[in-house]
Amino acid sequence: DRTLKLENECDAIDYSSVDADGHLVSPIYHEITNDVFNKIKNDSNFLFIDPQGFLRQKDAQNNIILKNTDLDLSGVNAIKINPEEGKCLVNGTHDEMMLALQKKGIEHVLLTNKTDVSLLVKDKIYSITLPNKNIHDTTGIGDIFCATFACTLLKEKDFLWALSFAGGAAQAALDSKNIGLQKIPSKGIVQNNAVYFYNLIKFRNL
């Protein structure tokens, strides 16, 4: 597990209208205000959020902690959470948290729990498991996962391929053992991994 400290805080981001197929909102720490978030919602045909930056606060020692947050999720099409983030938004078990988020109108609810990845769509949970290998550096893996899921879903209109490609990209980035932007994987490796994961998808009814 990582311990995060806040050393510097950037200014809030301005937003101008963007003509795009979709938007991915993944703040780090408070740089996206509620006003900007609402502007993006109004402008977006497809909105995917990773809410971690909305949930983060700092303690007296500038350690980053997660706090319960009343985040307006109307207009959100897809979300990725881990169990700790989910508890800051809704209550219950993993399944109950995913269902609670779905009831807020979110069509695609992703829960990542270490190597286990689950996706709730309608009344089914689809899941894949990333191979459990030595992890070198996980920074940015969530961003790679979210961007790949969003782009694949918009292009292919197939949430199972989106799940497979997102898992494939995350696994390729971990396998690279690189740091920073160097861990962004090549398209070929992601595709090979995606086919592997697609054939291993499990599902269950809720």
N, C-alpha and C. Protein backbone atom coordinates (compact mmCIF):
# COMPACT_ATOMS: atom_id res chain seq x y z
N ASP A 1 0.83 -1.20 0.00
CA ASP A 1 0.00 0.00 0.00
C ASP A 1 0.87 1.25 0.00
N ARG A 2 0.39 2.28 -0.69
CA ARG A 2 1.13 3.53 -0.77
C ARG A 2 0.69 4.50 0.32
N THR A 3 1.62 5.31 0.80
CA THR A 3 1.29 6.44 1.65
C THR A 3 1.51 7.70 0.82
N LEU A 4 0.46 8.48 0.63
CA LEU A 4 0.55 9.69 -0.17
C LEU A 4 0.60 10.91 0.73
N LYS A 5 1.47 11.87 0.37
CA LYS A 5 1.56 13.14 1.07
C LYS A 5 1.32 14.28 0.09
N LEU A 6 0.64 15.31 0.56
CA LEU A 6 0.41 16.49 -0.27
C LEU A 6 1.56 17.47 -0.05
N GLU A 7 2.38 17.69 -1.09
CA GLU A 7 3.48 18.63 -0.99
C GLU A 7 3.13 19.97 -1.63
N ASN A 8 2.41 19.91 -2.73
CA ASN A 8 1.95 21.13 -3.40
C ASN A 8 0.56 20.89 -3.95
N GLU A 9 -0.24 21.94 -3.98
CA GLU A 9 -1.59 21.83 -4.52
C GLU A 9 -1.72 22.76 -5.72
N CYS A 10 -2.14 22.22 -6.85
CA CYS A 10 -2.24 23.03 -8.06
C CYS A 10 -3.52 23.87 -8.03
N ASP A 11 -3.55 24.86 -8.91
CA ASP A 11 -4.75 25.69 -9.04
C ASP A 11 -5.87 24.88 -9.66
N ALA A 12 -7.09 25.33 -9.43
CA ALA A 12 -8.24 24.67 -10.05
C ALA A 12 -8.15 24.79 -11.57
N ILE A 13 -8.61 23.76 -12.24
CA ILE A 13 -8.56 23.70 -13.70
C ILE A 13 -9.74 24.46 -14.29
N ASP A 14 -9.44 25.27 -15.32
CA ASP A 14 -10.51 25.91 -16.09
C ASP A 14 -10.99 24.93 -17.15
N TYR A 15 -12.24 25.10 -17.58
CA TYR A 15 -12.77 24.20 -18.61
C TYR A 15 -13.46 24.99 -19.70
N SER A 16 -13.09 24.69 -20.94
CA SER A 16 -13.77 25.24 -22.10
C SER A 16 -14.46 24.10 -22.83
N SER A 17 -15.53 24.40 -23.50
CA SER A 17 -16.30 23.36 -24.19
C SER A 17 -15.41 22.57 -25.14
N VAL A 18 -15.51 21.25 -25.08
CA VAL A 18 -14.71 20.35 -25.91
C VAL A 18 -15.64 19.44 -26.69
N ASP A 19 -15.46 19.41 -28.01
CA ASP A 19 -16.25 18.54 -28.86
C ASP A 19 -15.58 17.17 -28.90
N ALA A 20 -16.07 16.25 -28.10
CA ALA A 20 -15.43 14.93 -27.98
C ALA A 20 -16.51 13.87 -27.84
N ASP A 21 -16.14 12.64 -28.19
CA ASP A 21 -17.07 11.53 -28.03
C ASP A 21 -17.33 11.21 -26.57
N GLY A 22 -16.34 11.47 -25.73
CA GLY A 22 -16.49 11.18 -24.31
C GLY A 22 -15.51 11.99 -23.48
N HIS A 23 -15.74 12.03 -22.20
CA HIS A 23 -14.86 12.72 -21.25
C HIS A 23 -14.46 11.74 -20.14
N LEU A 24 -13.20 11.83 -19.73
CA LEU A 24 -12.69 11.06 -18.59
C LEU A 24 -12.25 12.05 -17.52
N VAL A 25 -12.89 11.99 -16.37
CA VAL A 25 -12.58 12.89 -15.26
C VAL A 25 -11.89 12.08 -14.17
N SER A 26 -10.62 12.40 -13.91
CA SER A 26 -9.83 11.63 -12.95
C SER A 26 -8.93 12.58 -12.16
N PRO A 27 -9.51 13.36 -11.25
CA PRO A 27 -8.72 14.34 -10.51
C PRO A 27 -7.75 13.68 -9.53
N ILE A 28 -6.70 14.44 -9.21
CA ILE A 28 -5.72 13.97 -8.22
C ILE A 28 -6.05 14.53 -6.84
N TYR A 29 -6.25 15.84 -6.77
CA TYR A 29 -6.58 16.45 -5.47
C TYR A 29 -7.22 17.82 -5.70
N HIS A 30 -8.54 17.86 -5.77
CA HIS A 30 -9.32 19.10 -5.71
C HIS A 30 -9.11 20.06 -6.88
N GLU A 31 -8.42 19.64 -7.94
CA GLU A 31 -8.20 20.57 -9.05
C GLU A 31 -9.42 20.71 -9.96
N ILE A 32 -10.40 19.80 -9.79
CA ILE A 32 -11.65 19.91 -10.52
C ILE A 32 -12.75 20.32 -9.54
N THR A 33 -13.22 21.54 -9.68
CA THR A 33 -14.25 22.05 -8.77
C THR A 33 -15.61 21.49 -9.16
N ASN A 34 -16.58 21.63 -8.27
CA ASN A 34 -17.94 21.19 -8.59
C ASN A 34 -18.50 21.93 -9.80
N ASP A 35 -18.15 23.20 -9.92
CA ASP A 35 -18.62 24.00 -11.05
C ASP A 35 -18.08 23.45 -12.37
N VAL A 36 -16.79 23.15 -12.40
CA VAL A 36 -16.18 22.59 -13.61
C VAL A 36 -16.74 21.20 -13.89
N PHE A 37 -16.92 20.40 -12.84
CA PHE A 37 -17.48 19.06 -13.00
C PHE A 37 -18.87 19.14 -13.64
N ASN A 38 -19.67 20.09 -13.19
CA ASN A 38 -21.01 20.25 -13.76
C ASN A 38 -20.96 20.71 -15.21
N LYS A 39 -20.00 21.57 -15.54
CA LYS A 39 -19.84 22.01 -16.93
C LYS A 39 -19.47 20.83 -17.83
N ILE A 40 -18.58 19.97 -17.34
CA ILE A 40 -18.19 18.78 -18.11
C ILE A 40 -19.40 17.87 -18.31
N LYS A 41 -20.17 17.68 -17.24
CA LYS A 41 -21.38 16.84 -17.35
C LYS A 41 -22.32 17.36 -18.44
N ASN A 42 -22.54 18.66 -18.44
CA ASN A 42 -23.46 19.26 -19.40
C ASN A 42 -22.94 19.16 -20.83
N ASP A 43 -21.63 19.03 -20.97
CA ASP A 43 -20.99 19.03 -22.28
C ASP A 43 -20.75 17.63 -22.83
N SER A 44 -20.93 16.62 -21.99
CA SER A 44 -20.45 15.28 -22.33
C SER A 44 -21.56 14.36 -22.81
N ASN A 45 -21.25 13.61 -23.85
CA ASN A 45 -22.13 12.54 -24.31
C ASN A 45 -21.88 11.24 -23.55
N PHE A 46 -20.65 11.07 -23.08
CA PHE A 46 -20.26 9.89 -22.29
C PHE A 46 -19.24 10.35 -21.26
N LEU A 47 -19.54 10.12 -20.00
CA LEU A 47 -18.66 10.60 -18.92
C LEU A 47 -18.24 9.44 -18.03
N PHE A 48 -16.92 9.24 -17.95
CA PHE A 48 -16.31 8.22 -17.09
C PHE A 48 -15.57 8.97 -15.99
N ILE A 49 -15.79 8.60 -14.73
CA ILE A 49 -15.04 9.24 -13.66
C ILE A 49 -14.31 8.22 -12.79
N ASP A 50 -13.12 8.61 -12.38
CA ASP A 50 -12.38 7.97 -11.30
C ASP A 50 -12.41 8.99 -10.16
N PRO A 51 -13.19 8.75 -9.12
CA PRO A 51 -13.50 9.81 -8.15
C PRO A 51 -12.45 10.08 -7.09
N GLN A 52 -11.29 9.41 -7.15
CA GLN A 52 -10.36 9.46 -6.02
C GLN A 52 -10.00 10.89 -5.61
N GLY A 53 -9.79 11.78 -6.59
CA GLY A 53 -9.40 13.14 -6.27
C GLY A 53 -10.49 13.97 -5.62
N PHE A 54 -11.74 13.55 -5.80
CA PHE A 54 -12.86 14.21 -5.12
C PHE A 54 -12.95 13.78 -3.66
N LEU A 55 -12.42 12.62 -3.35
CA LEU A 55 -12.57 12.03 -2.02
C LEU A 55 -11.39 12.32 -1.10
N ARG A 56 -10.29 12.76 -1.67
CA ARG A 56 -9.06 12.94 -0.88
C ARG A 56 -9.09 14.22 -0.05
N GLN A 57 -8.63 14.09 1.20
CA GLN A 57 -8.40 15.21 2.09
C GLN A 57 -7.02 15.02 2.70
N LYS A 58 -6.53 16.03 3.41
CA LYS A 58 -5.23 15.90 4.07
C LYS A 58 -5.42 16.03 5.57
N ASP A 59 -4.55 15.32 6.32
CA ASP A 59 -4.57 15.44 7.77
C ASP A 59 -3.54 16.48 8.21
N ALA A 60 -3.30 16.58 9.51
CA ALA A 60 -2.41 17.60 10.04
C ALA A 60 -0.97 17.43 9.56
N GLN A 61 -0.61 16.21 9.20
CA GLN A 61 0.75 15.93 8.71
C GLN A 61 0.83 15.92 7.18
N ASN A 62 -0.23 16.39 6.54
CA ASN A 62 -0.32 16.42 5.08
C ASN A 62 -0.39 15.04 4.45
N ASN A 63 -0.72 14.03 5.26
CA ASN A 63 -0.99 12.71 4.69
C ASN A 63 -2.35 12.74 4.00
N ILE A 64 -2.45 12.07 2.86
CA ILE A 64 -3.71 12.01 2.13
C ILE A 64 -4.59 10.91 2.72
N ILE A 65 -5.82 11.28 3.04
CA ILE A 65 -6.80 10.32 3.54
C ILE A 65 -8.09 10.46 2.72
N LEU A 66 -8.90 9.43 2.75
CA LEU A 66 -10.18 9.46 2.05
C LEU A 66 -11.30 9.81 3.02
N LYS A 67 -12.21 10.67 2.60
CA LYS A 67 -13.31 11.10 3.45
C LYS A 67 -14.64 10.85 2.75
N ASN A 68 -15.69 10.55 3.54
CA ASN A 68 -17.03 10.42 2.98
C ASN A 68 -17.40 11.72 2.26
N THR A 69 -17.91 11.58 1.05
CA THR A 69 -18.17 12.74 0.21
C THR A 69 -19.51 12.59 -0.48
N ASP A 70 -20.31 13.64 -0.44
CA ASP A 70 -21.60 13.65 -1.14
C ASP A 70 -21.36 14.17 -2.55
N LEU A 71 -20.96 13.29 -3.44
CA LEU A 71 -20.61 13.66 -4.81
C LEU A 71 -21.81 13.44 -5.72
N ASP A 72 -22.19 14.47 -6.45
CA ASP A 72 -23.33 14.37 -7.37
C ASP A 72 -22.91 13.56 -8.59
N LEU A 73 -23.45 12.35 -8.71
CA LEU A 73 -23.07 11.44 -9.79
C LEU A 73 -24.09 11.42 -10.92
N SER A 74 -25.02 12.34 -10.90
CA SER A 74 -25.97 12.42 -12.02
C SER A 74 -25.20 12.76 -13.29
N GLY A 75 -25.59 12.15 -14.40
CA GLY A 75 -24.92 12.41 -15.66
C GLY A 75 -23.65 11.62 -15.88
N VAL A 76 -23.30 10.74 -14.93
CA VAL A 76 -22.10 9.90 -15.06
C VAL A 76 -22.50 8.57 -15.70
N ASN A 77 -21.77 8.16 -16.73
CA ASN A 77 -22.07 6.91 -17.44
C ASN A 77 -21.26 5.73 -16.94
N ALA A 78 -20.05 5.99 -16.45
CA ALA A 78 -19.18 4.91 -15.97
C ALA A 78 -18.32 5.43 -14.83
N ILE A 79 -18.00 4.54 -13.89
CA ILE A 79 -17.19 4.91 -12.74
C ILE A 79 -16.29 3.74 -12.37
N LYS A 80 -15.07 4.08 -11.89
CA LYS A 80 -14.17 3.06 -11.36
C LYS A 80 -13.85 3.41 -9.91
N ILE A 81 -14.06 2.44 -9.04
CA ILE A 81 -13.74 2.62 -7.62
C ILE A 81 -12.96 1.42 -7.13
N ASN A 82 -12.25 1.61 -6.00
CA ASN A 82 -11.77 0.47 -5.22
C ASN A 82 -12.64 0.40 -3.97
N PRO A 83 -12.51 -0.63 -3.15
CA PRO A 83 -13.40 -0.76 -1.99
C PRO A 83 -13.36 0.44 -1.04
N GLU A 84 -12.17 1.02 -0.83
CA GLU A 84 -12.05 2.15 0.09
C GLU A 84 -12.76 3.38 -0.46
N GLU A 85 -12.61 3.61 -1.77
CA GLU A 85 -13.29 4.75 -2.39
C GLU A 85 -14.81 4.55 -2.39
N GLY A 86 -15.22 3.32 -2.65
CA GLY A 86 -16.65 3.02 -2.67
C GLY A 86 -17.32 3.34 -1.35
N LYS A 87 -16.64 3.03 -0.24
CA LYS A 87 -17.20 3.28 1.09
C LYS A 87 -17.37 4.77 1.38
N CYS A 88 -16.64 5.61 0.66
CA CYS A 88 -16.77 7.06 0.85
C CYS A 88 -17.96 7.63 0.09
N LEU A 89 -18.53 6.83 -0.81
CA LEU A 89 -19.65 7.28 -1.64
C LEU A 89 -20.97 6.63 -1.26
N VAL A 90 -20.91 5.33 -0.95
CA VAL A 90 -22.11 4.55 -0.64
C VAL A 90 -21.77 3.53 0.45
N ASN A 91 -22.76 2.78 0.90
CA ASN A 91 -22.55 1.80 1.96
C ASN A 91 -22.74 0.38 1.44
N GLY A 92 -22.23 -0.61 2.22
CA GLY A 92 -22.53 -2.00 1.93
C GLY A 92 -21.33 -2.83 1.53
N THR A 93 -21.63 -4.07 1.16
CA THR A 93 -20.62 -4.98 0.64
C THR A 93 -20.19 -4.50 -0.75
N HIS A 94 -19.23 -5.20 -1.33
CA HIS A 94 -18.79 -4.82 -2.68
C HIS A 94 -19.96 -4.82 -3.65
N ASP A 95 -20.75 -5.90 -3.64
CA ASP A 95 -21.91 -5.98 -4.54
C ASP A 95 -22.91 -4.87 -4.25
N GLU A 96 -23.16 -4.62 -2.97
CA GLU A 96 -24.14 -3.60 -2.59
C GLU A 96 -23.67 -2.20 -2.98
N MET A 97 -22.36 -1.94 -2.88
CA MET A 97 -21.84 -0.65 -3.30
C MET A 97 -22.01 -0.46 -4.80
N MET A 98 -21.72 -1.50 -5.57
CA MET A 98 -21.87 -1.41 -7.02
C MET A 98 -23.33 -1.18 -7.40
N LEU A 99 -24.23 -1.89 -6.75
CA LEU A 99 -25.66 -1.70 -7.02
C LEU A 99 -26.13 -0.30 -6.63
N ALA A 100 -25.63 0.20 -5.51
CA ALA A 100 -26.02 1.54 -5.07
C ALA A 100 -25.57 2.61 -6.06
N LEU A 101 -24.39 2.42 -6.63
CA LEU A 101 -23.90 3.36 -7.64
C LEU A 101 -24.71 3.23 -8.93
N GLN A 102 -25.06 2.00 -9.27
CA GLN A 102 -25.90 1.79 -10.45
C GLN A 102 -27.25 2.49 -10.29
N LYS A 103 -27.80 2.44 -9.08
CA LYS A 103 -29.10 3.08 -8.83
C LYS A 103 -29.03 4.60 -8.95
N LYS A 104 -27.83 5.15 -8.92
CA LYS A 104 -27.66 6.59 -9.14
C LYS A 104 -27.65 6.93 -10.63
N GLY A 105 -27.83 5.90 -11.47
CA GLY A 105 -27.91 6.13 -12.90
C GLY A 105 -26.67 5.77 -13.69
N ILE A 106 -25.67 5.18 -13.02
CA ILE A 106 -24.42 4.84 -13.70
C ILE A 106 -24.55 3.48 -14.38
N GLU A 107 -24.33 3.45 -15.67
CA GLU A 107 -24.57 2.24 -16.46
C GLU A 107 -23.46 1.21 -16.29
N HIS A 108 -22.22 1.67 -16.20
CA HIS A 108 -21.07 0.77 -16.08
C HIS A 108 -20.34 1.07 -14.77
N VAL A 109 -20.37 0.14 -13.83
CA VAL A 109 -19.74 0.32 -12.52
C VAL A 109 -18.59 -0.67 -12.39
N LEU A 110 -17.38 -0.13 -12.30
CA LEU A 110 -16.17 -0.95 -12.19
C LEU A 110 -15.64 -0.90 -10.76
N LEU A 111 -15.32 -2.07 -10.22
CA LEU A 111 -14.70 -2.18 -8.90
C LEU A 111 -13.39 -2.92 -9.06
N THR A 112 -12.29 -2.27 -8.70
CA THR A 112 -10.98 -2.93 -8.73
C THR A 112 -10.54 -3.19 -7.30
N ASN A 113 -10.20 -4.43 -7.01
CA ASN A 113 -9.76 -4.83 -5.68
C ASN A 113 -8.47 -5.61 -5.84
N LYS A 114 -7.34 -4.88 -5.81
CA LYS A 114 -6.02 -5.45 -6.10
C LYS A 114 -6.05 -6.08 -7.49
N THR A 115 -5.93 -7.40 -7.61
CA THR A 115 -5.89 -8.01 -8.94
C THR A 115 -7.26 -8.41 -9.47
N ASP A 116 -8.30 -8.26 -8.67
CA ASP A 116 -9.66 -8.63 -9.09
C ASP A 116 -10.38 -7.40 -9.65
N VAL A 117 -10.93 -7.56 -10.85
CA VAL A 117 -11.64 -6.47 -11.51
C VAL A 117 -13.06 -6.92 -11.82
N SER A 118 -14.05 -6.16 -11.35
CA SER A 118 -15.46 -6.50 -11.57
C SER A 118 -16.17 -5.37 -12.28
N LEU A 119 -17.12 -5.73 -13.13
CA LEU A 119 -17.91 -4.75 -13.88
C LEU A 119 -19.39 -5.11 -13.77
N LEU A 120 -20.17 -4.19 -13.22
CA LEU A 120 -21.62 -4.38 -13.14
C LEU A 120 -22.29 -3.67 -14.30
N VAL A 121 -23.04 -4.44 -15.09
CA VAL A 121 -23.88 -3.89 -16.16
C VAL A 121 -25.24 -4.57 -16.05
N LYS A 122 -26.29 -3.77 -15.91
CA LYS A 122 -27.65 -4.27 -15.72
C LYS A 122 -27.68 -5.20 -14.50
N ASP A 123 -28.01 -6.49 -14.68
CA ASP A 123 -28.14 -7.38 -13.52
C ASP A 123 -27.02 -8.41 -13.43
N LYS A 124 -25.89 -8.15 -14.09
CA LYS A 124 -24.78 -9.11 -14.09
C LYS A 124 -23.47 -8.44 -13.70
N ILE A 125 -22.65 -9.20 -12.97
CA ILE A 125 -21.29 -8.77 -12.67
C ILE A 125 -20.33 -9.63 -13.47
N TYR A 126 -19.50 -8.98 -14.27
CA TYR A 126 -18.48 -9.65 -15.07
C TYR A 126 -17.13 -9.41 -14.39
N SER A 127 -16.28 -10.43 -14.38
CA SER A 127 -15.03 -10.28 -13.64
C SER A 127 -13.86 -10.93 -14.36
N ILE A 128 -12.69 -10.32 -14.17
CA ILE A 128 -11.42 -10.89 -14.61
C ILE A 128 -10.43 -10.76 -13.46
N THR A 129 -9.39 -11.55 -13.50
CA THR A 129 -8.34 -11.49 -12.48
C THR A 129 -7.00 -11.31 -13.16
N LEU A 130 -6.30 -10.25 -12.81
CA LEU A 130 -4.97 -10.04 -13.36
C LEU A 130 -4.00 -11.02 -12.72
N PRO A 131 -3.05 -11.55 -13.50
CA PRO A 131 -2.07 -12.48 -12.91
C PRO A 131 -1.36 -11.83 -11.73
N ASN A 132 -1.22 -12.58 -10.66
CA ASN A 132 -0.61 -12.05 -9.44
C ASN A 132 0.90 -12.18 -9.53
N LYS A 133 1.55 -11.10 -9.97
CA LYS A 133 3.00 -11.09 -10.11
C LYS A 133 3.59 -10.03 -9.19
N ASN A 134 4.92 -9.99 -9.13
CA ASN A 134 5.56 -8.96 -8.34
C ASN A 134 5.25 -7.59 -8.94
N ILE A 135 4.75 -6.69 -8.13
CA ILE A 135 4.35 -5.37 -8.60
C ILE A 135 5.50 -4.40 -8.37
N HIS A 136 5.97 -3.76 -9.46
CA HIS A 136 7.10 -2.83 -9.37
C HIS A 136 6.64 -1.43 -8.99
N ASP A 137 5.67 -0.90 -9.72
CA ASP A 137 5.17 0.45 -9.48
C ASP A 137 3.75 0.55 -10.02
N THR A 138 2.80 0.85 -9.16
CA THR A 138 1.40 0.89 -9.58
C THR A 138 0.93 2.30 -9.95
N THR A 139 1.79 3.31 -9.79
CA THR A 139 1.38 4.68 -10.09
C THR A 139 0.96 4.81 -11.55
N GLY A 140 -0.24 5.31 -11.76
CA GLY A 140 -0.72 5.52 -13.12
C GLY A 140 -1.45 4.35 -13.73
N ILE A 141 -1.43 3.20 -13.06
CA ILE A 141 -2.10 2.02 -13.63
C ILE A 141 -3.61 2.26 -13.74
N GLY A 142 -4.19 2.89 -12.73
CA GLY A 142 -5.62 3.18 -12.78
C GLY A 142 -5.97 4.11 -13.93
N ASP A 143 -5.10 5.08 -14.22
CA ASP A 143 -5.34 6.00 -15.33
C ASP A 143 -5.30 5.27 -16.66
N ILE A 144 -4.32 4.37 -16.81
CA ILE A 144 -4.21 3.57 -18.03
C ILE A 144 -5.44 2.69 -18.18
N PHE A 145 -5.88 2.08 -17.09
CA PHE A 145 -7.06 1.22 -17.10
C PHE A 145 -8.30 2.01 -17.54
N CYS A 146 -8.53 3.16 -16.90
CA CYS A 146 -9.74 3.94 -17.19
C CYS A 146 -9.75 4.46 -18.62
N ALA A 147 -8.61 4.99 -19.08
CA ALA A 147 -8.55 5.53 -20.43
C ALA A 147 -8.79 4.44 -21.47
N THR A 148 -8.23 3.26 -21.23
CA THR A 148 -8.41 2.16 -22.17
C THR A 148 -9.86 1.69 -22.19
N PHE A 149 -10.47 1.58 -21.02
CA PHE A 149 -11.88 1.16 -20.96
C PHE A 149 -12.76 2.16 -21.71
N ALA A 150 -12.58 3.44 -21.43
CA ALA A 150 -13.42 4.47 -22.05
C ALA A 150 -13.25 4.49 -23.56
N CYS A 151 -12.01 4.47 -24.03
CA CYS A 151 -11.76 4.53 -25.47
C CYS A 151 -12.30 3.29 -26.18
N THR A 152 -12.10 2.12 -25.59
CA THR A 152 -12.58 0.89 -26.22
C THR A 152 -14.09 0.84 -26.25
N LEU A 153 -14.73 1.26 -25.16
CA LEU A 153 -16.19 1.25 -25.12
C LEU A 153 -16.77 2.20 -26.17
N LEU A 154 -16.17 3.38 -26.30
CA LEU A 154 -16.66 4.35 -27.27
C LEU A 154 -16.46 3.85 -28.70
N LYS A 155 -15.34 3.18 -28.94
CA LYS A 155 -15.02 2.72 -30.30
C LYS A 155 -15.78 1.46 -30.67
N GLU A 156 -15.79 0.49 -29.78
CA GLU A 156 -16.34 -0.84 -30.10
C GLU A 156 -17.79 -1.03 -29.66
N LYS A 157 -18.27 -0.17 -28.74
CA LYS A 157 -19.64 -0.29 -28.21
C LYS A 157 -19.87 -1.66 -27.55
N ASP A 158 -18.83 -2.21 -26.95
CA ASP A 158 -18.88 -3.56 -26.36
C ASP A 158 -18.19 -3.51 -25.01
N PHE A 159 -18.97 -3.60 -23.93
CA PHE A 159 -18.38 -3.44 -22.59
C PHE A 159 -17.47 -4.60 -22.21
N LEU A 160 -17.69 -5.80 -22.78
CA LEU A 160 -16.80 -6.92 -22.46
C LEU A 160 -15.43 -6.73 -23.10
N TRP A 161 -15.41 -6.22 -24.33
CA TRP A 161 -14.11 -5.90 -24.94
C TRP A 161 -13.44 -4.77 -24.18
N ALA A 162 -14.24 -3.80 -23.74
CA ALA A 162 -13.67 -2.68 -22.98
C ALA A 162 -13.03 -3.18 -21.69
N LEU A 163 -13.72 -4.09 -20.99
CA LEU A 163 -13.16 -4.68 -19.78
C LEU A 163 -11.88 -5.44 -20.09
N SER A 164 -11.89 -6.22 -21.16
CA SER A 164 -10.73 -7.03 -21.53
C SER A 164 -9.54 -6.17 -21.92
N PHE A 165 -9.79 -5.12 -22.72
CA PHE A 165 -8.70 -4.23 -23.13
C PHE A 165 -8.16 -3.45 -21.94
N ALA A 166 -9.04 -3.00 -21.05
CA ALA A 166 -8.58 -2.27 -19.87
C ALA A 166 -7.70 -3.15 -18.99
N GLY A 167 -8.15 -4.38 -18.75
CA GLY A 167 -7.32 -5.32 -18.00
C GLY A 167 -6.02 -5.62 -18.71
N GLY A 168 -6.09 -5.77 -20.03
CA GLY A 168 -4.89 -6.05 -20.82
C GLY A 168 -3.89 -4.92 -20.77
N ALA A 169 -4.37 -3.68 -20.81
CA ALA A 169 -3.48 -2.53 -20.75
C ALA A 169 -2.84 -2.41 -19.37
N ALA A 170 -3.64 -2.62 -18.32
CA ALA A 170 -3.10 -2.55 -16.96
C ALA A 170 -2.04 -3.62 -16.74
N GLN A 171 -2.32 -4.85 -17.21
CA GLN A 171 -1.37 -5.93 -17.04
C GLN A 171 -0.08 -5.66 -17.81
N ALA A 172 -0.21 -5.15 -19.04
CA ALA A 172 0.98 -4.84 -19.84
C ALA A 172 1.82 -3.76 -19.18
N ALA A 173 1.16 -2.77 -18.60
CA ALA A 173 1.88 -1.70 -17.92
C ALA A 173 2.63 -2.24 -16.70
N LEU A 174 1.99 -3.13 -15.95
CA LEU A 174 2.65 -3.75 -14.80
C LEU A 174 3.81 -4.63 -15.23
N ASP A 175 3.60 -5.39 -16.31
CA ASP A 175 4.65 -6.29 -16.79
C ASP A 175 5.88 -5.54 -17.27
N SER A 176 5.69 -4.30 -17.71
CA SER A 176 6.82 -3.53 -18.26
C SER A 176 7.86 -3.20 -17.20
N LYS A 177 7.43 -3.15 -15.93
CA LYS A 177 8.30 -2.78 -14.80
C LYS A 177 8.93 -1.40 -14.98
N ASN A 178 8.30 -0.58 -15.82
CA ASN A 178 8.77 0.78 -16.02
C ASN A 178 8.11 1.72 -15.02
N ILE A 179 8.57 2.97 -15.00
CA ILE A 179 7.99 3.97 -14.12
C ILE A 179 7.43 5.12 -14.97
N GLY A 180 6.51 5.86 -14.37
CA GLY A 180 5.98 7.03 -15.05
C GLY A 180 5.33 6.71 -16.38
N LEU A 181 5.47 7.65 -17.32
CA LEU A 181 4.86 7.49 -18.64
C LEU A 181 5.48 6.36 -19.44
N GLN A 182 6.66 5.91 -19.03
CA GLN A 182 7.33 4.83 -19.76
C GLN A 182 6.55 3.52 -19.66
N LYS A 183 5.65 3.42 -18.71
CA LYS A 183 4.91 2.16 -18.56
C LYS A 183 3.68 2.07 -19.46
N ILE A 184 3.37 3.13 -20.21
CA ILE A 184 2.23 3.06 -21.14
C ILE A 184 2.54 2.01 -22.20
N PRO A 185 1.71 0.98 -22.35
CA PRO A 185 2.05 -0.17 -23.20
C PRO A 185 1.75 0.07 -24.67
N SER A 186 2.34 -0.77 -25.51
CA SER A 186 2.09 -0.70 -26.95
C SER A 186 0.75 -1.36 -27.28
N LYS A 187 0.18 -0.97 -28.41
CA LYS A 187 -1.13 -1.47 -28.82
C LYS A 187 -1.12 -2.99 -29.00
N GLY A 188 -0.05 -3.51 -29.59
CA GLY A 188 0.02 -4.95 -29.87
C GLY A 188 -0.03 -5.80 -28.61
N ILE A 189 0.72 -5.39 -27.60
CA ILE A 189 0.74 -6.14 -26.34
C ILE A 189 -0.62 -6.07 -25.66
N VAL A 190 -1.24 -4.90 -25.70
CA VAL A 190 -2.57 -4.74 -25.10
C VAL A 190 -3.58 -5.64 -25.79
N GLN A 191 -3.54 -5.70 -27.11
CA GLN A 191 -4.47 -6.54 -27.86
C GLN A 191 -4.30 -8.02 -27.52
N ASN A 192 -3.05 -8.47 -27.44
CA ASN A 192 -2.80 -9.87 -27.08
C ASN A 192 -3.35 -10.19 -25.70
N ASN A 193 -3.10 -9.30 -24.76
CA ASN A 193 -3.62 -9.50 -23.40
C ASN A 193 -5.14 -9.47 -23.38
N ALA A 194 -5.73 -8.59 -24.19
CA ALA A 194 -7.19 -8.44 -24.21
C ALA A 194 -7.87 -9.73 -24.66
N VAL A 195 -7.31 -10.36 -25.69
CA VAL A 195 -7.88 -11.63 -26.17
C VAL A 195 -7.80 -12.68 -25.07
N TYR A 196 -6.67 -12.70 -24.35
CA TYR A 196 -6.48 -13.64 -23.24
C TYR A 196 -7.56 -13.43 -22.18
N PHE A 197 -7.76 -12.18 -21.76
CA PHE A 197 -8.75 -11.89 -20.71
C PHE A 197 -10.17 -12.13 -21.19
N TYR A 198 -10.45 -11.81 -22.45
CA TYR A 198 -11.81 -11.98 -22.99
C TYR A 198 -12.27 -13.43 -22.84
N ASN A 199 -11.35 -14.35 -23.06
CA ASN A 199 -11.69 -15.77 -22.98
C ASN A 199 -11.80 -16.28 -21.55
N LEU A 200 -11.42 -15.44 -20.59
CA LEU A 200 -11.45 -15.86 -19.18
C LEU A 200 -12.49 -15.09 -18.35
N ILE A 201 -13.30 -14.27 -19.01
CA ILE A 201 -14.31 -13.49 -18.27
C ILE A 201 -15.32 -14.42 -17.60
N LYS A 202 -15.55 -14.17 -16.33
CA LYS A 202 -16.59 -14.89 -15.59
C LYS A 202 -17.75 -13.93 -15.35
N PHE A 203 -18.94 -14.48 -15.16
CA PHE A 203 -20.07 -13.61 -14.85
C PHE A 203 -21.02 -14.32 -13.89
N ARG A 204 -21.76 -13.51 -13.18
CA ARG A 204 -22.78 -14.03 -12.27
C ARG A 204 -23.93 -13.04 -12.22
N ASN A 205 -25.10 -13.55 -11.90
CA ASN A 205 -26.29 -12.71 -11.81
C ASN A 205 -26.43 -12.12 -10.41
N LEU A 206 -26.98 -10.94 -10.35
CA LEU A 206 -27.28 -10.32 -9.06
C LEU A 206 -28.79 -10.30 -8.85
